[in-house]
Amino acid sequence: MERNLPMEVITIQLPAYDLFFIGQTLIEKNQTGQTIVFINTINKASEGIQSINDPLSVNLTVTQLLEIIELMGKESEFLYAAFNLSIEGKLMTQLAALAGTDLELAQYIGGRLSERKLRIDAYKTAFISKYLKTQNIDLNV
């Protein structure tokens, strides 16, 4: 039987402040059913924590994780670019650990994250090219 990788449930662990930041960003950007589900998941996971630095473990489907990452990366001004890189770095570390236990799932998630990075890089290149053109700066991006 073939696995349905997008619906696999994985556990991510991030400091509470990271998850709260993600939650608030999603609330401000997108009031979808997935956002509400994620906020409820964060709230349930945060019951009983003592500090905003405490790690929280959150169970998500691969699809939910990828949708959250996609929504977080849609800031056209790249206001949260450093934060997004920090979160993605933490997720990639966890993904590397997952590869030791479930290589197929780790490769699937890694592939989706690579696609996202290519889209962001293409957007950034177009965004910078637009600036260079409007400012009559003769440089190649």
Protein backbone atom coordinates (compact mmCIF):
# COMPACT_ATOMS: atom_id res chain seq x y z
CA MET A 1 0.00 0.00 0.00
CA GLU A 2 1.36 3.38 -1.03
CA ARG A 3 1.84 5.96 1.71
CA ASN A 4 -0.04 9.24 1.63
CA LEU A 5 2.95 11.40 2.57
CA PRO A 6 1.10 14.75 2.63
CA MET A 7 -1.22 13.39 5.34
CA GLU A 8 1.52 11.86 7.51
CA VAL A 9 1.55 13.34 11.01
CA ILE A 10 4.89 14.65 12.23
CA THR A 11 5.95 16.34 15.44
CA ILE A 12 7.86 19.61 15.34
CA GLN A 13 9.45 21.11 18.41
CA LEU A 14 10.19 24.82 18.62
CA PRO A 15 10.49 27.31 21.46
CA ALA A 16 7.08 28.64 22.51
CA TYR A 17 8.00 32.17 21.39
CA ASP A 18 8.61 30.94 17.83
CA LEU A 19 5.27 29.16 17.70
CA PHE A 20 3.49 32.18 19.21
CA PHE A 21 5.12 34.43 16.61
CA ILE A 22 4.04 32.10 13.82
CA GLY A 23 0.53 31.97 15.28
CA GLN A 24 0.16 35.75 15.46
CA THR A 25 1.59 36.21 11.97
CA LEU A 26 -0.89 33.69 10.57
CA ILE A 27 -3.78 35.34 12.44
CA GLU A 28 -2.90 38.71 10.94
CA LYS A 29 -2.35 37.36 7.43
CA ASN A 30 -4.85 34.61 6.89
CA GLN A 31 -8.00 33.57 8.75
CA THR A 32 -8.44 30.16 7.14
CA GLY A 33 -9.54 26.92 8.69
CA GLN A 34 -5.92 25.73 8.71
CA THR A 35 -4.90 28.85 10.65
CA ILE A 36 -7.57 28.21 13.27
CA VAL A 37 -6.56 24.55 13.56
CA PHE A 38 -2.91 25.55 14.02
CA ILE A 39 -3.75 28.21 16.64
CA ASN A 40 -5.80 25.66 18.58
CA THR A 41 -2.91 23.18 18.33
CA ILE A 42 -0.46 25.78 19.70
CA ASN A 43 -2.82 26.73 22.51
CA LYS A 44 -3.31 23.12 23.55
CA ALA A 45 0.45 22.44 23.42
CA SER A 46 1.22 25.53 25.51
CA GLU A 47 -0.95 24.53 28.46
CA GLY A 48 1.24 24.32 31.53
CA ILE A 49 4.42 25.88 30.15
CA GLN A 50 6.37 28.03 32.60
CA SER A 51 8.33 30.22 30.20
CA ILE A 52 8.05 31.61 26.70
CA ASN A 53 11.39 29.86 26.06
CA ASP A 54 10.00 26.41 26.88
CA PRO A 55 9.98 24.04 23.93
CA LEU A 56 6.59 23.08 22.55
CA SER A 57 5.88 19.93 20.59
CA VAL A 58 3.15 20.27 17.99
CA ASN A 59 1.69 17.47 15.87
CA LEU A 60 0.86 18.48 12.30
CA THR A 61 0.26 16.79 9.01
CA VAL A 62 2.97 17.38 6.42
CA THR A 63 0.42 19.41 4.43
CA GLN A 64 -0.29 21.66 7.42
CA LEU A 65 3.42 22.20 8.02
CA LEU A 66 4.07 23.12 4.39
CA GLU A 67 1.05 25.47 4.29
CA ILE A 68 2.27 27.26 7.41
CA ILE A 69 5.77 27.63 5.96
CA GLU A 70 4.28 28.93 2.71
CA LEU A 71 2.11 31.50 4.51
CA MET A 72 5.04 32.65 6.67
CA GLY A 73 7.16 33.23 3.57
CA LYS A 74 4.69 35.44 1.71
CA GLU A 75 5.87 38.73 3.19
CA SER A 76 6.61 40.72 0.03
CA GLU A 77 8.85 43.06 2.02
CA PHE A 78 10.69 40.09 3.57
CA LEU A 79 10.13 41.80 6.93
CA TYR A 80 10.54 38.52 8.76
CA ALA A 81 13.21 37.04 6.49
CA ALA A 82 15.74 36.43 9.28
CA PHE A 83 13.04 34.92 11.45
CA ASN A 84 11.86 32.67 8.62
CA LEU A 85 15.43 31.49 8.08
CA SER A 86 15.74 30.75 11.79
CA ILE A 87 12.52 28.73 11.82
CA GLU A 88 13.44 26.93 8.63
CA GLY A 89 16.89 26.14 10.04
CA LYS A 90 15.30 24.57 13.11
CA LEU A 91 12.89 22.60 10.95
CA MET A 92 15.72 21.41 8.70
CA THR A 93 17.60 20.18 11.78
CA GLN A 94 14.53 18.21 12.80
CA LEU A 95 14.13 17.00 9.23
CA ALA A 96 17.68 15.64 9.30
CA ALA A 97 16.82 13.72 12.47
CA LEU A 98 13.64 12.43 10.81
CA ALA A 99 15.75 11.11 7.93
CA GLY A 100 17.28 8.66 10.39
CA THR A 101 13.89 7.16 11.18
CA ASP A 102 11.80 7.82 8.05
CA LEU A 103 13.92 8.66 5.02
CA GLU A 104 11.01 8.64 2.56
CA LEU A 105 9.05 11.22 4.56
CA ALA A 106 12.15 13.36 5.16
CA GLN A 107 12.92 13.39 1.42
CA TYR A 108 9.32 14.34 0.60
CA ILE A 109 9.32 17.29 3.04
CA GLY A 110 12.81 18.35 1.95
CA GLY A 111 11.69 18.36 -1.67
CA ARG A 112 8.72 20.58 -0.89
CA LEU A 113 10.92 22.99 1.10
CA SER A 114 13.39 23.12 -1.81
CA GLU A 115 10.53 24.03 -4.18
CA ARG A 116 9.52 26.83 -1.79
CA LYS A 117 13.07 28.17 -1.66
CA LEU A 118 13.23 28.25 -5.46
CA ARG A 119 9.95 30.21 -5.62
CA ILE A 120 11.17 32.69 -3.01
CA ASP A 121 14.51 33.10 -4.80
CA ALA A 122 12.70 33.72 -8.11
CA TYR A 123 10.44 36.29 -6.44
CA LYS A 124 13.39 38.05 -4.83
CA THR A 125 15.24 38.16 -8.15
CA ALA A 126 12.21 39.63 -9.93
CA PHE A 127 11.65 42.09 -7.08
CA ILE A 128 15.27 43.29 -7.20
CA SER A 129 15.24 43.43 -11.01
CA LYS A 130 12.14 45.62 -10.86
CA TYR A 131 13.91 48.02 -8.51
CA LEU A 132 17.03 48.14 -10.68
CA LYS A 133 14.91 48.83 -13.76
CA THR A 134 12.82 51.58 -12.15
CA GLN A 135 15.98 53.23 -10.78
CA ASN A 136 17.87 52.91 -14.09
CA ILE A 137 20.63 50.91 -12.46
CA ASP A 138 22.46 48.77 -14.99
CA LEU A 139 23.27 45.62 -13.02
CA ASN A 140 22.42 41.99 -13.51
CA VAL A 141 20.74 40.13 -10.71
